[in-house]
Each structure stands twice: as C-alpha cells, then as structure tokens.
Amino acid sequence: MIATEQTLLAQPLEARAPSAGLGLEVVLIGCRFEVMPRHILTDEADRLARQVAEQTGESLDDVVERALRAEADRTQPPLMTKPRTPEEKLALIAEIQARVAALPILDPRDPDEILYDEDGLPK
C-alpha cells in the first residue's frame, strides 16, 4: 500500500487512541507517528506551495519552512542580531551612523536654544 498525504491525514483526531502528541496520529504498517496539521487558508497560497514543491522536488513542509525562514531573515531588524566579531560591531555602528545621518532635521534650532531659555536655565 502506498500512503499518500490524503490517506495519512484521513484519520480524525477523535478516532485515534489518546496520546501525548498533538495533531493527527497515523498507524501505517504497524508504525505510529504524529502528523502536524497544516493550515493553509487561501487557495492561492496552497497552489503556490504545491507548485514550488513540484518544481523543486521538496515536500510542502520544506517549501513552506524555507519560505518562512527566508522572510524571517529578511524582515529581522538589524539590531536584533548580536554582532560577534569586532568587524561586525564596527559595521553595525557604521550602519547606525548612516541611518541617523539620513534622518531629516525636524527642528533647525541650535540644541542650546531648544534646551535652555534666554537666562540659560533649562526649559
């Protein structure tokens, strides 16, 4: 018997013996293992995942995990990654300096004029 994804996911949660795992439990040729449920909410996302899986020969799980990992890496804020080497620290400092230098000047007044009144006292 060749097991397909549909036959593996055919056994509902209520029909299986209780276990400590989550999701669905499958018994196949005397072997028990857990299958995590997959919740793809749109037809387009499902179609794209299946298309990439077919083109690359990867499983749906691998395709989705790779795409999510790439997006997480792409969107991770630069300050969240801790620099390890002195070169990485200097590169991070230079990046921060460049971002700060690119910020617009919102108040063209001298900093002393902003902080102190005409008598030199803090405002």
PDB file of N, CA and C in Angstrom:
ATOM      1  N   MET A   1       0.845  -1.184   0.000  1.00  0.00           N
ATOM      2  CA  MET A   1       0.000   0.000   0.000  1.00  0.00           C
ATOM      3  C   MET A   1       0.889   1.246   0.000  1.00  0.00           C
ATOM      4  N   ILE A   2       0.634   2.146  -0.921  1.00  0.00           N
ATOM      5  CA  ILE A   2       1.376   3.395  -0.982  1.00  0.00           C
ATOM      6  C   ILE A   2       0.557   4.450  -0.263  1.00  0.00           C
ATOM      7  N   ALA A   3       1.154   5.104   0.744  1.00  0.00           N
ATOM      8  CA  ALA A   3       0.450   6.108   1.533  1.00  0.00           C
ATOM      9  C   ALA A   3       0.614   7.470   0.896  1.00  0.00           C
ATOM     10  N   THR A   4      -0.493   8.125   0.654  1.00  0.00           N
ATOM     11  CA  THR A   4      -0.442   9.493   0.146  1.00  0.00           C
ATOM     12  C   THR A   4      -0.745  10.431   1.296  1.00  0.00           C
ATOM     13  N   GLU A   5      -0.577  11.734   1.049  1.00  0.00           N
ATOM     14  CA  GLU A   5      -0.861  12.718   2.096  1.00  0.00           C
ATOM     15  C   GLU A   5      -2.309  12.614   2.531  1.00  0.00           C
ATOM     16  N   GLN A   6      -3.220  12.364   1.585  1.00  0.00           N
ATOM     17  CA  GLN A   6      -4.629  12.271   1.934  1.00  0.00           C
ATOM     18  C   GLN A   6      -4.902  11.065   2.816  1.00  0.00           C
ATOM     19  N   THR A   7      -4.297   9.902   2.496  1.00  0.00           N
ATOM     20  CA  THR A   7      -4.555   8.734   3.333  1.00  0.00           C
ATOM     21  C   THR A   7      -3.914   8.888   4.701  1.00  0.00           C
ATOM     22  N   LEU A   8      -2.784   9.594   4.774  1.00  0.00           N
ATOM     23  CA  LEU A   8      -2.150   9.807   6.069  1.00  0.00           C
ATOM     24  C   LEU A   8      -2.964  10.739   6.951  1.00  0.00           C
ATOM     25  N   LEU A   9      -3.651  11.691   6.331  1.00  0.00           N
ATOM     26  CA  LEU A   9      -4.423  12.666   7.098  1.00  0.00           C
ATOM     27  C   LEU A   9      -5.883  12.247   7.247  1.00  0.00           C
ATOM     28  N   ALA A  10      -6.210  11.016   6.845  1.00  0.00           N
ATOM     29  CA  ALA A  10      -7.606  10.593   6.829  1.00  0.00           C
ATOM     30  C   ALA A  10      -8.163  10.281   8.207  1.00  0.00           C
ATOM     31  N   GLN A  11      -7.323   9.926   9.151  1.00  0.00           N
ATOM     32  CA  GLN A  11      -7.825   9.535  10.460  1.00  0.00           C
ATOM     33  C   GLN A  11      -8.043  10.764  11.323  1.00  0.00           C
ATOM     34  N   PRO A  12      -9.311  11.046  11.704  1.00  0.00           N
ATOM     35  CA  PRO A  12      -9.575  12.238  12.516  1.00  0.00           C
ATOM     36  C   PRO A  12      -9.024  12.095  13.924  1.00  0.00           C
ATOM     37  N   LEU A  13      -8.837  13.223  14.562  1.00  0.00           N
ATOM     38  CA  LEU A  13      -8.276  13.275  15.906  1.00  0.00           C
ATOM     39  C   LEU A  13      -9.096  12.450  16.887  1.00  0.00           C
ATOM     40  N   GLU A  14     -10.419  12.508  16.771  1.00  0.00           N
ATOM     41  CA  GLU A  14     -11.279  11.807  17.726  1.00  0.00           C
ATOM     42  C   GLU A  14     -11.213  10.296  17.552  1.00  0.00           C
ATOM     43  N   ALA A  15     -10.830   9.793  16.389  1.00  0.00           N
ATOM     44  CA  ALA A  15     -10.845   8.370  16.105  1.00  0.00           C
ATOM     45  C   ALA A  15      -9.606   7.642  16.586  1.00  0.00           C
ATOM     46  N   ARG A  16      -8.639   8.353  17.092  1.00  0.00           N
ATOM     47  CA  ARG A  16      -7.390   7.707  17.477  1.00  0.00           C
ATOM     48  C   ARG A  16      -7.322   7.504  18.986  1.00  0.00           C
ATOM     49  N   ALA A  17      -6.410   6.659  19.377  1.00  0.00           N
ATOM     50  CA  ALA A  17      -6.188   6.439  20.806  1.00  0.00           C
ATOM     51  C   ALA A  17      -5.528   7.664  21.401  1.00  0.00           C
ATOM     52  N   PRO A  18      -5.818   7.981  22.659  1.00  0.00           N
ATOM     53  CA  PRO A  18      -5.199   9.158  23.269  1.00  0.00           C
ATOM     54  C   PRO A  18      -3.680   9.028  23.316  1.00  0.00           C
ATOM     55  N   SER A  19      -3.021  10.128  23.087  1.00  0.00           N
ATOM     56  CA  SER A  19      -1.566  10.150  23.208  1.00  0.00           C
ATOM     57  C   SER A  19      -1.143  11.525  23.666  1.00  0.00           C
ATOM     58  N   ALA A  20       0.128  11.683  23.965  1.00  0.00           N
ATOM     59  CA  ALA A  20       0.644  12.964  24.455  1.00  0.00           C
ATOM     60  C   ALA A  20       0.839  13.970  23.334  1.00  0.00           C
ATOM     61  N   GLY A  21       0.837  13.521  22.065  1.00  0.00           N
ATOM     62  CA  GLY A  21       1.108  14.419  20.951  1.00  0.00           C
ATOM     63  C   GLY A  21      -0.099  15.243  20.555  1.00  0.00           C
ATOM     64  N   LEU A  22       0.141  16.152  19.639  1.00  0.00           N
ATOM     65  CA  LEU A  22      -0.918  16.993  19.100  1.00  0.00           C
ATOM     66  C   LEU A  22      -1.137  16.626  17.640  1.00  0.00           C
ATOM     67  N   GLY A  23      -2.262  17.047  17.104  1.00  0.00           N
ATOM     68  CA  GLY A  23      -2.496  16.838  15.685  1.00  0.00           C
ATOM     69  C   GLY A  23      -3.099  15.483  15.419  1.00  0.00           C
ATOM     70  N   LEU A  24      -2.675  14.848  14.353  1.00  0.00           N
ATOM     71  CA  LEU A  24      -3.235  13.573  13.939  1.00  0.00           C
ATOM     72  C   LEU A  24      -2.226  12.472  14.173  1.00  0.00           C
ATOM     73  N   GLU A  25      -2.753  11.307  14.462  1.00  0.00           N
ATOM     74  CA  GLU A  25      -1.890  10.150  14.654  1.00  0.00           C
ATOM     75  C   GLU A  25      -2.187   9.164  13.547  1.00  0.00           C
ATOM     76  N   VAL A  26      -1.171   8.601  12.955  1.00  0.00           N
ATOM     77  CA  VAL A  26      -1.344   7.690  11.843  1.00  0.00           C
ATOM     78  C   VAL A  26      -0.709   6.363  12.199  1.00  0.00           C
ATOM     79  N   VAL A  27      -1.401   5.265  11.894  1.00  0.00           N
ATOM     80  CA  VAL A  27      -0.835   3.933  12.062  1.00  0.00           C
ATOM     81  C   VAL A  27      -0.648   3.373  10.659  1.00  0.00           C
ATOM     82  N   LEU A  28       0.592   3.111  10.294  1.00  0.00           N
ATOM     83  CA  LEU A  28       0.904   2.636   8.955  1.00  0.00           C
ATOM     84  C   LEU A  28       1.852   1.459   9.070  1.00  0.00           C
ATOM     85  N   ILE A  29       1.409   0.306   8.675  1.00  0.00           N
ATOM     86  CA  ILE A  29       2.200  -0.920   8.730  1.00  0.00           C
ATOM     87  C   ILE A  29       2.788  -1.113  10.141  1.00  0.00           C
ATOM     88  N   GLY A  30       1.961  -0.944  11.133  1.00  0.00           N
ATOM     89  CA  GLY A  30       2.375  -1.188  12.500  1.00  0.00           C
ATOM     90  C   GLY A  30       3.227  -0.102  13.119  1.00  0.00           C
ATOM     91  N   CYS A  31       3.486   0.989  12.406  1.00  0.00           N
ATOM     92  CA  CYS A  31       4.289   2.083  12.937  1.00  0.00           C
ATOM     93  C   CYS A  31       3.364   3.238  13.296  1.00  0.00           C
ATOM     94  N   ARG A  32       3.628   3.869  14.428  1.00  0.00           N
ATOM     95  CA  ARG A  32       2.852   5.024  14.855  1.00  0.00           C
ATOM     96  C   ARG A  32       3.704   6.268  14.767  1.00  0.00           C
ATOM     97  N   PHE A  33       3.138   7.338  14.207  1.00  0.00           N
ATOM     98  CA  PHE A  33       3.830   8.616  14.216  1.00  0.00           C
ATOM     99  C   PHE A  33       2.803   9.723  14.147  1.00  0.00           C
ATOM    100  N   GLU A  34       3.221  10.902  14.537  1.00  0.00           N
ATOM    101  CA  GLU A  34       2.334  12.055  14.585  1.00  0.00           C
ATOM    102  C   GLU A  34       2.491  12.878  13.312  1.00  0.00           C
ATOM    103  N   VAL A  35       1.394  13.434  12.828  1.00  0.00           N
ATOM    104  CA  VAL A  35       1.397  14.330  11.681  1.00  0.00           C
ATOM    105  C   VAL A  35       0.862  15.666  12.163  1.00  0.00           C
ATOM    106  N   MET A  36       1.653  16.708  12.011  1.00  0.00           N
ATOM    107  CA  MET A  36       1.206  18.040  12.419  1.00  0.00           C
ATOM    108  C   MET A  36       0.198  18.544  11.398  1.00  0.00           C
ATOM    109  N   PRO A  37      -0.908  19.103  11.853  1.00  0.00           N
ATOM    110  CA  PRO A  37      -1.883  19.628  10.896  1.00  0.00           C
ATOM    111  C   PRO A  37      -1.336  20.850  10.163  1.00  0.00           C
ATOM    112  N   ARG A  38      -1.687  20.992   8.905  1.00  0.00           N
ATOM    113  CA  ARG A  38      -1.253  22.120   8.094  1.00  0.00           C
ATOM    114  C   ARG A  38      -2.481  22.976   7.829  1.00  0.00           C
ATOM    115  N   HIS A  39      -2.375  24.254   8.092  1.00  0.00           N
ATOM    116  CA  HIS A  39      -3.490  25.163   7.893  1.00  0.00           C
ATOM    117  C   HIS A  39      -3.091  26.242   6.902  1.00  0.00           C
ATOM    118  N   ILE A  40      -3.331  25.987   5.636  1.00  0.00           N
ATOM    119  CA  ILE A  40      -3.117  27.000   4.610  1.00  0.00           C
ATOM    120  C   ILE A  40      -4.491  27.551   4.287  1.00  0.00           C
ATOM    121  N   LEU A  41      -4.668  28.837   4.503  1.00  0.00           N
ATOM    122  CA  LEU A  41      -6.001  29.411   4.477  1.00  0.00           C
ATOM    123  C   LEU A  41      -6.473  29.878   3.112  1.00  0.00           C
ATOM    124  N   THR A  42      -5.578  30.039   2.153  1.00  0.00           N
ATOM    125  CA  THR A  42      -6.034  30.510   0.842  1.00  0.00           C
ATOM    126  C   THR A  42      -5.665  29.504  -0.232  1.00  0.00           C
ATOM    127  N   ASP A  43      -6.502  29.452  -1.259  1.00  0.00           N
ATOM    128  CA  ASP A  43      -6.226  28.565  -2.387  1.00  0.00           C
ATOM    129  C   ASP A  43      -4.953  28.971  -3.110  1.00  0.00           C
ATOM    130  N   GLU A  44      -4.704  30.279  -3.193  1.00  0.00           N
ATOM    131  CA  GLU A  44      -3.509  30.770  -3.886  1.00  0.00           C
ATOM    132  C   GLU A  44      -2.234  30.332  -3.162  1.00  0.00           C
ATOM    133  N   ALA A  45      -2.223  30.439  -1.824  1.00  0.00           N
ATOM    134  CA  ALA A  45      -1.047  30.010  -1.056  1.00  0.00           C
ATOM    135  C   ALA A  45      -0.819  28.513  -1.231  1.00  0.00           C
ATOM    136  N   ASP A  46      -1.888  27.741  -1.217  1.00  0.00           N
ATOM    137  CA  ASP A  46      -1.774  26.297  -1.406  1.00  0.00           C
ATOM    138  C   ASP A  46      -1.253  25.993  -2.805  1.00  0.00           C
ATOM    139  N   ARG A  47      -1.788  26.685  -3.814  1.00  0.00           N
ATOM    140  CA  ARG A  47      -1.359  26.459  -5.190  1.00  0.00           C
ATOM    141  C   ARG A  47       0.124  26.782  -5.366  1.00  0.00           C
ATOM    142  N   LEU A  48       0.553  27.924  -4.802  1.00  0.00           N
ATOM    143  CA  LEU A  48       1.957  28.322  -4.929  1.00  0.00           C
ATOM    144  C   LEU A  48       2.885  27.344  -4.214  1.00  0.00           C
ATOM    145  N   ALA A  49       2.497  26.923  -3.016  1.00  0.00           N
ATOM    146  CA  ALA A  49       3.336  25.979  -2.269  1.00  0.00           C
ATOM    147  C   ALA A  49       3.465  24.668  -3.027  1.00  0.00           C
ATOM    148  N   ARG A  50       2.370  24.174  -3.570  1.00  0.00           N
ATOM    149  CA  ARG A  50       2.417  22.918  -4.328  1.00  0.00           C
ATOM    150  C   ARG A  50       3.223  23.085  -5.621  1.00  0.00           C
ATOM    151  N   GLN A  51       3.098  24.239  -6.268  1.00  0.00           N
ATOM    152  CA  GLN A  51       3.858  24.499  -7.496  1.00  0.00           C
ATOM    153  C   GLN A  51       5.357  24.486  -7.211  1.00  0.00           C
ATOM    154  N   VAL A  52       5.778  25.183  -6.148  1.00  0.00           N
ATOM    155  CA  VAL A  52       7.209  25.226  -5.805  1.00  0.00           C
ATOM    156  C   VAL A  52       7.687  23.838  -5.393  1.00  0.00           C
ATOM    157  N   ALA A  53       6.872  23.113  -4.634  1.00  0.00           N
ATOM    158  CA  ALA A  53       7.253  21.762  -4.214  1.00  0.00           C
ATOM    159  C   ALA A  53       7.453  20.859  -5.424  1.00  0.00           C
ATOM    160  N   GLU A  54       6.566  20.966  -6.404  1.00  0.00           N
ATOM    161  CA  GLU A  54       6.692  20.149  -7.608  1.00  0.00           C
ATOM    162  C   GLU A  54       7.930  20.541  -8.416  1.00  0.00           C
ATOM    163  N   GLN A  55       8.187  21.849  -8.507  1.00  0.00           N
ATOM    164  CA  GLN A  55       9.333  22.320  -9.297  1.00  0.00           C
ATOM    165  C   GLN A  55      10.664  21.959  -8.652  1.00  0.00           C
ATOM    166  N   THR A  56      10.709  21.967  -7.319  1.00  0.00           N
ATOM    167  CA  THR A  56      11.978  21.726  -6.625  1.00  0.00           C
ATOM    168  C   THR A  56      12.144  20.290  -6.144  1.00  0.00           C
ATOM    169  N   GLY A  57      11.045  19.539  -6.126  1.00  0.00           N
ATOM    170  CA  GLY A  57      11.120  18.175  -5.613  1.00  0.00           C
ATOM    171  C   GLY A  57      11.127  18.106  -4.090  1.00  0.00           C
ATOM    172  N   GLU A  58      10.873  19.229  -3.437  1.00  0.00           N
ATOM    173  CA  GLU A  58      10.828  19.273  -1.980  1.00  0.00           C
ATOM    174  C   GLU A  58       9.420  18.945  -1.488  1.00  0.00           C
ATOM    175  N   SER A  59       9.317  18.642  -0.210  1.00  0.00           N
ATOM    176  CA  SER A  59       8.000  18.427   0.384  1.00  0.00           C
ATOM    177  C   SER A  59       7.339  19.781   0.624  1.00  0.00           C
ATOM    178  N   LEU A  60       6.025  19.774   0.806  1.00  0.00           N
ATOM    179  CA  LEU A  60       5.324  21.022   1.118  1.00  0.00           C
ATOM    180  C   LEU A  60       5.877  21.655   2.386  1.00  0.00           C
ATOM    181  N   ASP A  61       6.156  20.824   3.391  1.00  0.00           N
ATOM    182  CA  ASP A  61       6.706  21.352   4.642  1.00  0.00           C
ATOM    183  C   ASP A  61       8.027  22.062   4.407  1.00  0.00           C
ATOM    184  N   ASP A  62       8.904  21.457   3.602  1.00  0.00           N
ATOM    185  CA  ASP A  62      10.209  22.066   3.335  1.00  0.00           C
ATOM    186  C   ASP A  62      10.060  23.385   2.575  1.00  0.00           C
ATOM    187  N   VAL A  63       9.137  23.415   1.617  1.00  0.00           N
ATOM    188  CA  VAL A  63       8.910  24.636   0.842  1.00  0.00           C
ATOM    189  C   VAL A  63       8.423  25.757   1.744  1.00  0.00           C
ATOM    190  N   VAL A  64       7.420  25.449   2.564  1.00  0.00           N
ATOM    191  CA  VAL A  64       6.853  26.469   3.449  1.00  0.00           C
ATOM    192  C   VAL A  64       7.882  26.907   4.481  1.00  0.00           C
ATOM    193  N   GLU A  65       8.623  25.965   5.064  1.00  0.00           N
ATOM    194  CA  GLU A  65       9.633  26.317   6.065  1.00  0.00           C
ATOM    195  C   GLU A  65      10.728  27.193   5.459  1.00  0.00           C
ATOM    196  N   ARG A  66      11.179  26.850   4.252  1.00  0.00           N
ATOM    197  CA  ARG A  66      12.234  27.632   3.595  1.00  0.00           C
ATOM    198  C   ARG A  66      11.749  29.051   3.296  1.00  0.00           C
ATOM    199  N   ALA A  67      10.514  29.167   2.816  1.00  0.00           N
ATOM    200  CA  ALA A  67       9.970  30.494   2.507  1.00  0.00           C
ATOM    201  C   ALA A  67       9.805  31.324   3.776  1.00  0.00           C
ATOM    202  N   LEU A  68       9.318  30.710   4.830  1.00  0.00           N
ATOM    203  CA  LEU A  68       9.137  31.444   6.082  1.00  0.00           C
ATOM    204  C   LEU A  68      10.473  31.828   6.705  1.00  0.00           C
ATOM    205  N   ARG A  69      11.458  30.940   6.621  1.00  0.00           N
ATOM    206  CA  ARG A  69      12.787  31.253   7.154  1.00  0.00           C
ATOM    207  C   ARG A  69      13.414  32.413   6.384  1.00  0.00           C
ATOM    208  N   ALA A  70      13.274  32.404   5.058  1.00  0.00           N
ATOM    209  CA  ALA A  70      13.823  33.496   4.238  1.00  0.00           C
ATOM    210  C   ALA A  70      13.138  34.811   4.584  1.00  0.00           C
ATOM    211  N   GLU A  71      11.830  34.778   4.769  1.00  0.00           N
ATOM    212  CA  GLU A  71      11.104  36.010   5.111  1.00  0.00           C
ATOM    213  C   GLU A  71      11.474  36.489   6.519  1.00  0.00           C
ATOM    214  N   ALA A  72      11.629  35.554   7.453  1.00  0.00           N
ATOM    215  CA  ALA A  72      12.031  35.934   8.814  1.00  0.00           C
ATOM    216  C   ALA A  72      13.426  36.551   8.810  1.00  0.00           C
ATOM    217  N   ASP A  73      14.334  35.972   8.044  1.00  0.00           N
ATOM    218  CA  ASP A  73      15.687  36.531   7.942  1.00  0.00           C
ATOM    219  C   ASP A  73      15.667  37.909   7.289  1.00  0.00           C
ATOM    220  N   ARG A  74      14.830  38.064   6.263  1.00  0.00           N
ATOM    221  CA  ARG A  74      14.762  39.330   5.536  1.00  0.00           C
ATOM    222  C   ARG A  74      14.165  40.444   6.388  1.00  0.00           C
ATOM    223  N   THR A  75      13.188  40.113   7.203  1.00  0.00           N
ATOM    224  CA  THR A  75      12.485  41.139   7.968  1.00  0.00           C
ATOM    225  C   THR A  75      13.009  41.330   9.378  1.00  0.00           C
ATOM    226  N   GLN A  76      13.995  40.541   9.786  1.00  0.00           N
ATOM    227  CA  GLN A  76      14.541  40.677  11.137  1.00  0.00           C
ATOM    228  C   GLN A  76      15.252  42.021  11.264  1.00  0.00           C
ATOM    229  N   PRO A  77      14.898  42.796  12.267  1.00  0.00           N
ATOM    230  CA  PRO A  77      15.575  44.088  12.448  1.00  0.00           C
ATOM    231  C   PRO A  77      17.073  43.893  12.650  1.00  0.00           C
ATOM    232  N   PRO A  78      17.899  44.769  12.075  1.00  0.00           N
ATOM    233  CA  PRO A  78      19.341  44.606  12.183  1.00  0.00           C
ATOM    234  C   PRO A  78      19.843  44.633  13.622  1.00  0.00           C
ATOM    235  N   LEU A  79      19.169  45.364  14.504  1.00  0.00           N
ATOM    236  CA  LEU A  79      19.644  45.454  15.873  1.00  0.00           C
ATOM    237  C   LEU A  79      19.351  44.199  16.681  1.00  0.00           C
ATOM    238  N   MET A  80      18.523  43.299  16.145  1.00  0.00           N
ATOM    239  CA  MET A  80      18.195  42.074  16.854  1.00  0.00           C
ATOM    240  C   MET A  80      19.323  41.044  16.755  1.00  0.00           C
ATOM    241  N   THR A  81      20.148  41.150  15.735  1.00  0.00           N
ATOM    242  CA  THR A  81      21.251  40.215  15.606  1.00  0.00           C
ATOM    243  C   THR A  81      22.460  40.778  16.337  1.00  0.00           C
ATOM    244  N   LYS A  82      22.945  40.027  17.272  1.00  0.00           N
ATOM    245  CA  LYS A  82      24.071  40.492  18.083  1.00  0.00           C
ATOM    246  C   LYS A  82      25.376  40.304  17.311  1.00  0.00           C
ATOM    247  N   PRO A  83      26.130  41.387  17.121  1.00  0.00           N
ATOM    248  CA  PRO A  83      27.415  41.242  16.422  1.00  0.00           C
ATOM    249  C   PRO A  83      28.389  40.421  17.270  1.00  0.00           C
ATOM    250  N   ARG A  84      29.142  39.578  16.602  1.00  0.00           N
ATOM    251  CA  ARG A  84      30.041  38.683  17.327  1.00  0.00           C
ATOM    252  C   ARG A  84      31.505  39.124  17.268  1.00  0.00           C
ATOM    253  N   THR A  85      31.921  39.591  16.114  1.00  0.00           N
ATOM    254  CA  THR A  85      33.329  39.950  15.939  1.00  0.00           C
ATOM    255  C   THR A  85      33.472  41.468  15.968  1.00  0.00           C
ATOM    256  N   PRO A  86      34.685  41.971  16.206  1.00  0.00           N
ATOM    257  CA  PRO A  86      34.904  43.425  16.166  1.00  0.00           C
ATOM    258  C   PRO A  86      34.517  44.029  14.812  1.00  0.00           C
ATOM    259  N   GLU A  87      34.744  43.293  13.727  1.00  0.00           N
ATOM    260  CA  GLU A  87      34.386  43.800  12.402  1.00  0.00           C
ATOM    261  C   GLU A  87      32.871  43.943  12.279  1.00  0.00           C
ATOM    262  N   GLU A  88      32.124  42.962  12.798  1.00  0.00           N
ATOM    263  CA  GLU A  88      30.660  43.046  12.765  1.00  0.00           C
ATOM    264  C   GLU A  88      30.168  44.209  13.620  1.00  0.00           C
ATOM    265  N   LYS A  89      30.811  44.446  14.755  1.00  0.00           N
ATOM    266  CA  LYS A  89      30.422  45.568  15.619  1.00  0.00           C
ATOM    267  C   LYS A  89      30.653  46.903  14.919  1.00  0.00           C
ATOM    268  N   LEU A  90      31.820  47.046  14.271  1.00  0.00           N
ATOM    269  CA  LEU A  90      32.111  48.280  13.537  1.00  0.00           C
ATOM    270  C   LEU A  90      31.139  48.478  12.372  1.00  0.00           C
ATOM    271  N   ALA A  91      30.803  47.403  11.687  1.00  0.00           N
ATOM    272  CA  ALA A  91      29.845  47.500  10.582  1.00  0.00           C
ATOM    273  C   ALA A  91      28.471  47.922  11.098  1.00  0.00           C
ATOM    274  N   LEU A  92      28.071  47.393  12.240  1.00  0.00           N
ATOM    275  CA  LEU A  92      26.786  47.764  12.833  1.00  0.00           C
ATOM    276  C   LEU A  92      26.786  49.235  13.250  1.00  0.00           C
ATOM    277  N   ILE A  93      27.873  49.694  13.853  1.00  0.00           N
ATOM    278  CA  ILE A  93      27.973  51.106  14.244  1.00  0.00           C
ATOM    279  C   ILE A  93      27.906  52.006  13.017  1.00  0.00           C
ATOM    280  N   ALA A  94      28.611  51.634  11.956  1.00  0.00           N
ATOM    281  CA  ALA A  94      28.592  52.428  10.724  1.00  0.00           C
ATOM    282  C   ALA A  94      27.187  52.464  10.121  1.00  0.00           C
ATOM    283  N   GLU A  95      26.479  51.342  10.181  1.00  0.00           N
ATOM    284  CA  GLU A  95      25.113  51.288   9.659  1.00  0.00           C
ATOM    285  C   GLU A  95      24.189  52.200  10.465  1.00  0.00           C
ATOM    286  N   ILE A  96      24.321  52.178  11.787  1.00  0.00           N
ATOM    287  CA  ILE A  96      23.503  53.043  12.643  1.00  0.00           C
ATOM    288  C   ILE A  96      23.818  54.510  12.363  1.00  0.00           C
ATOM    289  N   GLN A  97      25.111  54.828  12.241  1.00  0.00           N
ATOM    290  CA  GLN A  97      25.502  56.213  11.944  1.00  0.00           C
ATOM    291  C   GLN A  97      24.911  56.675  10.612  1.00  0.00           C
ATOM    292  N   ALA A  98      24.921  55.815   9.609  1.00  0.00           N
ATOM    293  CA  ALA A  98      24.374  56.178   8.297  1.00  0.00           C
ATOM    294  C   ALA A  98      22.871  56.398   8.385  1.00  0.00           C
ATOM    295  N   ARG A  99      22.170  55.551   9.147  1.00  0.00           N
ATOM    296  CA  ARG A  99      20.712  55.728   9.292  1.00  0.00           C
ATOM    297  C   ARG A  99      20.392  57.025  10.023  1.00  0.00           C
ATOM    298  N   VAL A 100      21.156  57.339  11.078  1.00  0.00           N
ATOM    299  CA  VAL A 100      20.921  58.577  11.830  1.00  0.00           C
ATOM    300  C   VAL A 100      21.223  59.791  10.958  1.00  0.00           C
ATOM    301  N   ALA A 101      22.300  59.745  10.196  1.00  0.00           N
ATOM    302  CA  ALA A 101      22.670  60.873   9.335  1.00  0.00           C
ATOM    303  C   ALA A 101      21.618  61.110   8.248  1.00  0.00           C
ATOM    304  N   ALA A 102      20.912  60.056   7.852  1.00  0.00           N
ATOM    305  CA  ALA A 102      19.897  60.188   6.804  1.00  0.00           C
ATOM    306  C   ALA A 102      18.564  60.713   7.334  1.00  0.00           C
ATOM    307  N   LEU A 103      18.394  60.784   8.649  1.00  0.00           N
ATOM    308  CA  LEU A 103      17.140  61.279   9.214  1.00  0.00           C
ATOM    309  C   LEU A 103      16.973  62.766   8.918  1.00  0.00           C
ATOM    310  N   PRO A 104      15.727  63.190   8.718  1.00  0.00           N
ATOM    311  CA  PRO A 104      15.509  64.622   8.449  1.00  0.00           C
ATOM    312  C   PRO A 104      15.695  65.448   9.722  1.00  0.00           C
ATOM    313  N   ILE A 105      16.085  66.696   9.552  1.00  0.00           N
ATOM    314  CA  ILE A 105      16.206  67.615  10.681  1.00  0.00           C
ATOM    315  C   ILE A 105      14.823  68.211  10.910  1.00  0.00           C
ATOM    316  N   LEU A 106      14.220  67.887  12.047  1.00  0.00           N
ATOM    317  CA  LEU A 106      12.860  68.326  12.321  1.00  0.00           C
ATOM    318  C   LEU A 106      12.805  69.709  12.972  1.00  0.00           C
ATOM    319  N   ASP A 107      13.889  70.096  13.621  1.00  0.00           N
ATOM    320  CA  ASP A 107      13.934  71.406  14.282  1.00  0.00           C
ATOM    321  C   ASP A 107      15.310  72.007  14.002  1.00  0.00           C
ATOM    322  N   PRO A 108      15.387  73.064  13.176  1.00  0.00           N
ATOM    323  CA  PRO A 108      16.681  73.600  12.766  1.00  0.00           C
ATOM    324  C   PRO A 108      17.362  74.452  13.841  1.00  0.00           C
ATOM    325  N   ARG A 109      16.717  74.643  14.987  1.00  0.00           N
ATOM    326  CA  ARG A 109      17.328  75.478  16.027  1.00  0.00           C
ATOM    327  C   ARG A 109      18.559  74.814  16.626  1.00  0.00           C
ATOM    328  N   ASP A 110      19.417  75.618  17.209  1.00  0.00           N
ATOM    329  CA  ASP A 110      20.591  75.139  17.929  1.00  0.00           C
ATOM    330  C   ASP A 110      20.120  74.327  19.138  1.00  0.00           C
ATOM    331  N   PRO A 111      20.783  73.226  19.486  1.00  0.00           N
ATOM    332  CA  PRO A 111      20.365  72.428  20.639  1.00  0.00           C
ATOM    333  C   PRO A 111      20.255  73.246  21.936  1.00  0.00           C
ATOM    334  N   ASP A 112      21.186  74.222  22.155  1.00  0.00           N
ATOM    335  CA  ASP A 112      21.100  75.051  23.360  1.00  0.00           C
ATOM    336  C   ASP A 112      19.815  75.876  23.367  1.00  0.00           C
ATOM    337  N   GLU A 113      19.413  76.334  22.207  1.00  0.00           N
ATOM    338  CA  GLU A 113      18.190  77.124  22.103  1.00  0.00           C
ATOM    339  C   GLU A 113      16.960  76.270  22.422  1.00  0.00           C
ATOM    340  N   ILE A 114      17.032  75.002  22.072  1.00  0.00           N
ATOM    341  CA  ILE A 114      15.919  74.089  22.356  1.00  0.00           C
ATOM    342  C   ILE A 114      15.857  73.770  23.849  1.00  0.00           C
ATOM    343  N   LEU A 115      17.025  73.560  24.470  1.00  0.00           N
ATOM    344  CA  LEU A 115      17.068  73.087  25.851  1.00  0.00           C
ATOM    345  C   LEU A 115      16.988  74.186  26.909  1.00  0.00           C
ATOM    346  N   TYR A 116      17.519  75.395  26.591  1.00  0.00           N
ATOM    347  CA  TYR A 116      17.646  76.433  27.617  1.00  0.00           C
ATOM    348  C   TYR A 116      16.878  77.690  27.238  1.00  0.00           C
ATOM    349  N   ASP A 117      16.405  78.401  28.263  1.00  0.00           N
ATOM    350  CA  ASP A 117      15.716  79.675  27.990  1.00  0.00           C
ATOM    351  C   ASP A 117      16.743  80.790  27.845  1.00  0.00           C
ATOM    352  N   GLU A 118      16.256  82.041  27.709  1.00  0.00           N
ATOM    353  CA  GLU A 118      17.159  83.184  27.492  1.00  0.00           C
ATOM    354  C   GLU A 118      18.062  83.486  28.680  1.00  0.00           C
ATOM    355  N   ASP A 119      17.725  82.947  29.877  1.00  0.00           N
ATOM    356  CA  ASP A 119      18.564  83.126  31.052  1.00  0.00           C
ATOM    357  C   ASP A 119      19.541  81.984  31.263  1.00  0.00           C
ATOM    358  N   GLY A 120      19.541  80.994  30.342  1.00  0.00           N
ATOM    359  CA  GLY A 120      20.451  79.848  30.447  1.00  0.00           C
ATOM    360  C   GLY A 120      19.921  78.751  31.343  1.00  0.00           C
ATOM    361  N   LEU A 121      18.671  78.849  31.758  1.00  0.00           N
ATOM    362  CA  LEU A 121      18.078  77.816  32.610  1.00  0.00           C
ATOM    363  C   LEU A 121      17.355  76.787  31.735  1.00  0.00           C
ATOM    364  N   PRO A 122      17.361  75.544  32.214  1.00  0.00           N
ATOM    365  CA  PRO A 122      16.641  74.520  31.431  1.00  0.00           C
ATOM    366  C   PRO A 122      15.171  74.876  31.278  1.00  0.00           C
ATOM    367  N   LYS A 123      14.627  74.621  30.153  1.00  0.00           N
ATOM    368  CA  LYS A 123      13.208  74.913  29.893  1.00  0.00           C
ATOM    369  C   LYS A 123      12.319  73.925  30.587  1.00  0.00           C
TER     370      LYS A 123
END
